[in-house]
């Protein structure tokens, strides 16, 4: 994942861990360079992709949020 460090995407991607975040969303040269860096390094691309998938599963899937809500309201049922 190569993206600009704006809005909520900054919460979703850890720069250098689960993707590459760019400072300036209008800097197309920096985007091209970052994208080429990932595409030209398959091991890095795989590592970023796996970390990104794991981060989404751990932090952002709907099921996770439903379970948190269930734990929150469960004590109210008694």
Protein backbone atom coordinates (compact mmCIF):
# COMPACT_ATOMS: atom_id res chain seq x y z
CA UNK A 1 0.00 0.00 0.00
CA UNK A 2 1.31 3.39 -1.00
CA UNK A 3 -0.86 6.28 0.17
CA UNK A 4 -0.80 9.88 1.30
CA UNK A 5 -0.65 10.56 5.04
CA UNK A 6 -4.02 12.31 5.20
CA UNK A 7 -7.21 11.67 7.11
CA UNK A 8 -7.97 8.26 8.57
CA UNK A 9 -5.49 6.46 6.35
CA UNK A 10 -2.81 7.53 8.84
CA UNK A 11 -4.53 5.37 11.46
CA UNK A 12 -4.78 2.41 9.12
CA UNK A 13 -1.25 2.28 7.73
CA UNK A 14 1.95 2.19 9.76
CA UNK A 15 4.57 3.84 7.57
CA UNK A 16 7.26 1.36 6.63
CA UNK A 17 5.49 -1.47 8.45
CA UNK A 18 2.15 -2.06 6.70
CA UNK A 19 2.60 0.36 3.81
CA UNK A 20 4.25 3.56 2.71
CA UNK A 21 2.81 6.93 3.69
CA UNK A 22 3.69 10.05 1.75
CA UNK A 23 3.66 13.51 3.27
CA UNK A 24 2.37 15.46 0.28
CA UNK A 25 -0.71 14.02 -1.49
CA UNK A 26 0.07 16.12 -4.56
CA UNK A 27 3.69 15.00 -4.98
CA UNK A 28 3.33 12.61 -7.89
CA UNK A 29 7.10 12.15 -8.16
CA UNK A 30 7.30 10.93 -4.57
CA UNK A 31 4.35 8.63 -5.21
CA UNK A 32 6.00 7.17 -8.33
CA UNK A 33 9.28 6.69 -6.46
CA UNK A 34 7.58 4.99 -3.49
CA UNK A 35 5.52 2.75 -5.75
CA UNK A 36 8.58 1.77 -7.79
CA UNK A 37 10.42 1.03 -4.56
CA UNK A 38 7.75 -1.45 -3.54
CA UNK A 39 7.31 -2.99 -6.99
CA UNK A 40 11.06 -3.46 -7.43
CA UNK A 41 11.46 -5.23 -4.09
CA UNK A 42 9.12 -8.27 -4.00
CA UNK A 43 10.21 -9.29 -0.51
CA UNK A 44 9.42 -5.83 0.84
CA UNK A 45 6.10 -5.82 -1.01
CA UNK A 46 5.19 -9.20 0.50
CA UNK A 47 6.23 -8.08 3.99
CA UNK A 48 4.21 -4.83 3.75
CA UNK A 49 1.22 -6.68 2.32
CA UNK A 50 1.19 -9.34 5.01
CA UNK A 51 1.58 -6.73 7.75
CA UNK A 52 -1.22 -4.66 6.22
CA UNK A 53 -3.56 -7.66 6.05
CA UNK A 54 -2.78 -8.58 9.64
CA UNK A 55 -3.35 -4.99 10.82
CA UNK A 56 -6.75 -4.82 9.12
CA UNK A 57 -7.79 -8.15 10.60
CA UNK A 58 -6.69 -7.09 14.06
CA UNK A 59 -7.98 -3.52 14.14
CA UNK A 60 -10.57 -2.76 11.48
CA UNK A 61 -12.89 -5.67 10.67
CA UNK A 62 -16.54 -5.32 11.59
CA UNK A 63 -16.60 -8.58 13.55
CA UNK A 64 -14.01 -7.22 15.95
CA UNK A 65 -16.16 -4.17 16.62
CA UNK A 66 -19.28 -6.28 17.11
CA UNK A 67 -17.47 -8.39 19.70
CA UNK A 68 -16.35 -5.26 21.53
CA UNK A 69 -19.93 -3.97 21.61
CA UNK A 70 -21.17 -7.34 22.85
CA UNK A 71 -18.66 -7.30 25.71
CA UNK A 72 -19.70 -3.75 26.51
CA UNK A 73 -23.44 -4.44 26.75
CA UNK A 74 -23.28 -7.99 28.13
CA UNK A 75 -23.10 -6.82 31.79
CA UNK A 76 -26.26 -4.76 31.24
CA UNK A 77 -28.27 -7.91 30.48
CA UNK A 78 -28.15 -9.20 34.07
